[in-house]
Amino acid sequence: MRTVELLLDEAADLAVREAWRRLADAGLPSQARHRSPTNSPHLTLAACPELTAPIRWELAEVAAALPVPVRFTGVVRFERPTSVLAWALEREAGLAALHRRVWEAVTSDSPPQTLSPFHDPGRWSPHITLGRTRRAGAFTGRRVPELLPPPPLSARLVTLRSHDTETGTLEVLRPRS
């Protein structure tokens, strides 16, 4: 699979990494434990089997629209097949429009059964993952939010990239020149 992700500006990236460190120091699941060089704070917009030429064409237009300002709204927890602790992002009009463009690009040239329903614009919850585990309820303790630094008041999403989950390679997706 190929993800389509947005990276944070430097200050927000550092704030997320500090939250990762604090979770790890407390012995909790943290993205800091994920040692791959591809691991960095990011917002996942979609995933598809392949970035075909038509998808790439549309993603180049999305890359040209960056940076996009965003606001953090606080801590959020998800219990899916995994327990996730994250900082939620406000679903502002600019971010929602950018996400819709990415979703339309990947759905235009991917088999529908290969796409995650969590990335559908009607279900998508923009967030930056702080920790993840297969242990149900791992982040339900009351003290977890107290361990974290406050999220940045605002940030910018500055780089569009794709991660190939099979090869582990990263690709920055740039505007057409």
Protein backbone atom coordinates (compact mmCIF):
# COMPACT_ATOMS: atom_id res chain seq x y z
CA MET A 1 0.00 0.00 0.00
CA ARG A 2 1.00 3.61 -0.53
CA THR A 3 -0.04 6.18 2.06
CA VAL A 4 -0.63 9.84 1.34
CA GLU A 5 0.47 11.94 4.31
CA LEU A 6 1.15 15.50 5.37
CA LEU A 7 4.13 16.47 7.52
CA LEU A 8 4.08 19.18 10.17
CA ASP A 9 6.22 22.30 10.34
CA GLU A 10 9.37 22.03 12.47
CA ALA A 11 7.95 23.50 15.70
CA ALA A 12 4.88 21.25 15.67
CA ASP A 13 7.02 18.23 14.75
CA LEU A 14 9.20 18.89 17.81
CA ALA A 15 6.13 19.23 20.06
CA VAL A 16 4.80 15.86 18.88
CA ARG A 17 8.19 14.23 19.41
CA GLU A 18 8.22 15.63 22.97
CA ALA A 19 4.82 14.01 23.58
CA TRP A 20 6.19 10.73 22.18
CA ARG A 21 9.20 10.98 24.54
CA ARG A 22 7.02 11.61 27.59
CA LEU A 23 4.80 8.62 26.83
CA ALA A 24 7.85 6.39 26.32
CA ASP A 25 9.45 7.66 29.55
CA ALA A 26 6.25 6.75 31.40
CA GLY A 27 6.37 3.21 29.99
CA LEU A 28 3.34 3.73 27.77
CA PRO A 29 2.98 2.85 24.09
CA SER A 30 4.60 5.63 22.07
CA GLN A 31 5.53 6.31 18.48
CA ALA A 32 9.01 7.08 19.88
CA ARG A 33 9.51 3.32 20.12
CA HIS A 34 9.01 2.97 16.35
CA ARG A 35 12.65 3.23 15.28
CA SER A 36 12.19 3.25 11.50
CA PRO A 37 13.73 6.26 9.73
CA THR A 38 10.35 6.66 8.03
CA ASN A 39 8.68 7.39 11.37
CA SER A 40 7.84 11.06 11.79
CA PRO A 41 4.79 12.94 13.00
CA HIS A 42 2.28 13.05 10.16
CA LEU A 43 -1.37 13.28 9.21
CA THR A 44 -2.57 10.38 7.07
CA LEU A 45 -5.02 11.45 4.37
CA ALA A 46 -5.49 8.17 2.48
CA ALA A 47 -3.88 4.91 1.40
CA CYS A 48 -4.15 3.10 -1.91
CA PRO A 49 -2.45 0.15 -3.62
CA GLU A 50 -0.49 2.26 -6.10
CA LEU A 51 0.14 5.90 -6.96
CA THR A 52 -0.85 5.70 -10.61
CA ALA A 53 -0.19 8.52 -13.09
CA PRO A 54 -3.74 9.96 -12.73
CA ILE A 55 -3.45 9.91 -8.92
CA ARG A 56 0.00 11.53 -9.05
CA TRP A 57 -1.32 14.27 -11.35
CA GLU A 58 -3.98 15.22 -8.80
CA LEU A 59 -1.60 14.94 -5.84
CA ALA A 60 0.79 17.40 -7.52
CA GLU A 61 -2.03 19.97 -7.37
CA VAL A 62 -2.56 19.20 -3.69
CA ALA A 63 1.18 19.69 -3.04
CA ALA A 64 0.97 23.08 -4.75
CA ALA A 65 -1.69 24.16 -2.21
CA LEU A 66 0.69 23.75 0.76
CA PRO A 67 1.28 24.91 3.41
CA VAL A 68 -2.10 24.57 5.12
CA PRO A 69 -2.64 26.03 8.60
CA VAL A 70 -4.21 23.74 11.21
CA ARG A 71 -5.25 23.96 14.85
CA PHE A 72 -4.92 21.23 17.44
CA THR A 73 -8.01 20.59 19.54
CA GLY A 74 -6.63 18.26 22.22
CA VAL A 75 -6.25 14.60 23.09
CA VAL A 76 -8.39 11.97 21.41
CA ARG A 77 -8.51 8.18 21.82
CA PHE A 78 -9.58 5.58 19.28
CA GLU A 79 -10.34 1.95 19.95
CA ARG A 80 -10.28 0.15 16.62
CA PRO A 81 -8.37 -3.03 16.16
CA THR A 82 -5.67 -1.07 18.01
CA SER A 83 -5.76 1.49 20.82
CA VAL A 84 -4.58 4.89 19.61
CA LEU A 85 -3.78 8.05 21.55
CA ALA A 86 -3.53 11.16 19.38
CA TRP A 87 -3.79 14.90 19.18
CA ALA A 88 -6.85 15.82 17.15
CA LEU A 89 -6.84 18.52 14.51
CA GLU A 90 -9.75 20.84 13.87
CA ARG A 91 -11.50 19.89 10.65
CA GLU A 92 -11.35 23.39 9.18
CA ALA A 93 -12.60 24.13 5.67
CA GLY A 94 -9.11 24.31 4.12
CA LEU A 95 -7.99 21.00 5.59
CA ALA A 96 -11.29 19.31 4.75
CA ALA A 97 -11.10 20.52 1.13
CA LEU A 98 -7.51 19.33 0.78
CA HIS A 99 -8.42 15.92 2.22
CA ARG A 100 -11.39 15.63 -0.15
CA ARG A 101 -9.08 16.31 -3.13
CA VAL A 102 -6.73 13.53 -2.01
CA TRP A 103 -9.63 11.14 -1.41
CA GLU A 104 -11.08 11.87 -4.85
CA ALA A 105 -7.65 11.33 -6.42
CA VAL A 106 -7.12 7.91 -4.84
CA THR A 107 -10.70 6.75 -5.42
CA SER A 108 -10.53 7.78 -9.08
CA ASP A 109 -7.97 5.08 -9.90
CA SER A 110 -8.06 2.46 -7.12
CA PRO A 111 -10.35 -0.54 -6.57
CA PRO A 112 -12.91 0.53 -3.92
CA GLN A 113 -12.33 -2.58 -1.77
CA THR A 114 -8.67 -1.59 -1.30
CA LEU A 115 -9.45 1.75 0.37
CA SER A 116 -9.87 2.25 4.11
CA PRO A 117 -13.33 3.46 5.10
CA PHE A 118 -11.65 5.48 7.90
CA HIS A 119 -10.22 7.81 5.22
CA ASP A 120 -13.60 8.51 3.62
CA PRO A 121 -14.33 12.25 4.10
CA GLY A 122 -17.51 11.42 6.02
CA ARG A 123 -15.60 9.32 8.57
CA TRP A 124 -12.10 10.81 8.57
CA SER A 125 -10.89 12.17 11.92
CA PRO A 126 -7.74 14.25 11.38
CA HIS A 127 -5.18 13.44 14.07
CA ILE A 128 -1.49 13.05 14.78
CA THR A 129 -0.77 9.70 16.45
CA LEU A 130 1.15 9.83 19.72
CA GLY A 131 0.96 6.15 20.67
CA ARG A 132 -0.54 2.93 19.37
CA THR A 133 -0.85 -0.61 20.70
CA ARG A 134 -2.87 -3.77 20.21
CA ARG A 135 -3.70 -3.72 23.95
CA ALA A 136 -7.32 -2.61 24.28
CA GLY A 137 -7.84 0.31 26.66
CA ALA A 138 -4.13 1.05 27.02
CA PHE A 139 -4.70 4.81 27.15
CA THR A 140 -7.81 4.98 29.34
CA GLY A 141 -5.94 5.92 32.53
CA ARG A 142 -6.76 9.41 33.82
CA ARG A 143 -3.11 10.38 34.14
CA VAL A 144 -2.25 9.94 30.47
CA PRO A 145 -3.27 13.47 29.35
CA GLU A 146 -1.38 14.93 32.31
CA LEU A 147 1.84 13.36 31.01
CA LEU A 148 1.64 15.20 27.72
CA PRO A 149 2.81 18.69 26.92
CA PRO A 150 0.06 20.94 25.59
CA PRO A 151 -0.34 20.60 21.83
CA PRO A 152 0.73 23.59 19.75
CA LEU A 153 -1.97 26.22 19.40
CA SER A 154 -1.49 26.18 15.67
CA ALA A 155 0.72 24.56 13.08
CA ARG A 156 1.21 24.23 9.37
CA LEU A 157 1.12 21.13 7.22
CA VAL A 158 4.04 21.71 4.91
CA THR A 159 5.02 18.58 2.94
CA LEU A 160 3.02 15.94 1.08
CA ARG A 161 4.62 12.51 1.08
CA SER A 162 3.89 8.87 0.42
CA HIS A 163 5.13 5.84 2.31
CA ASP A 164 5.33 2.50 0.53
CA THR A 165 4.40 0.03 3.27
CA GLU A 166 5.90 -2.92 1.38
CA THR A 167 9.35 -1.49 0.65
CA GLY A 168 9.52 1.04 3.49
CA THR A 169 10.52 3.83 1.11
CA LEU A 170 9.36 7.43 1.37
CA GLU A 171 8.64 9.76 -1.50
CA VAL A 172 8.02 13.49 -1.25
CA LEU A 173 5.17 14.42 -3.60
CA ARG A 174 5.92 17.75 -5.21
CA PRO A 175 3.93 20.23 -7.28
CA ARG A 176 4.33 20.04 -11.05
CA SER A 177 7.04 22.34 -12.28
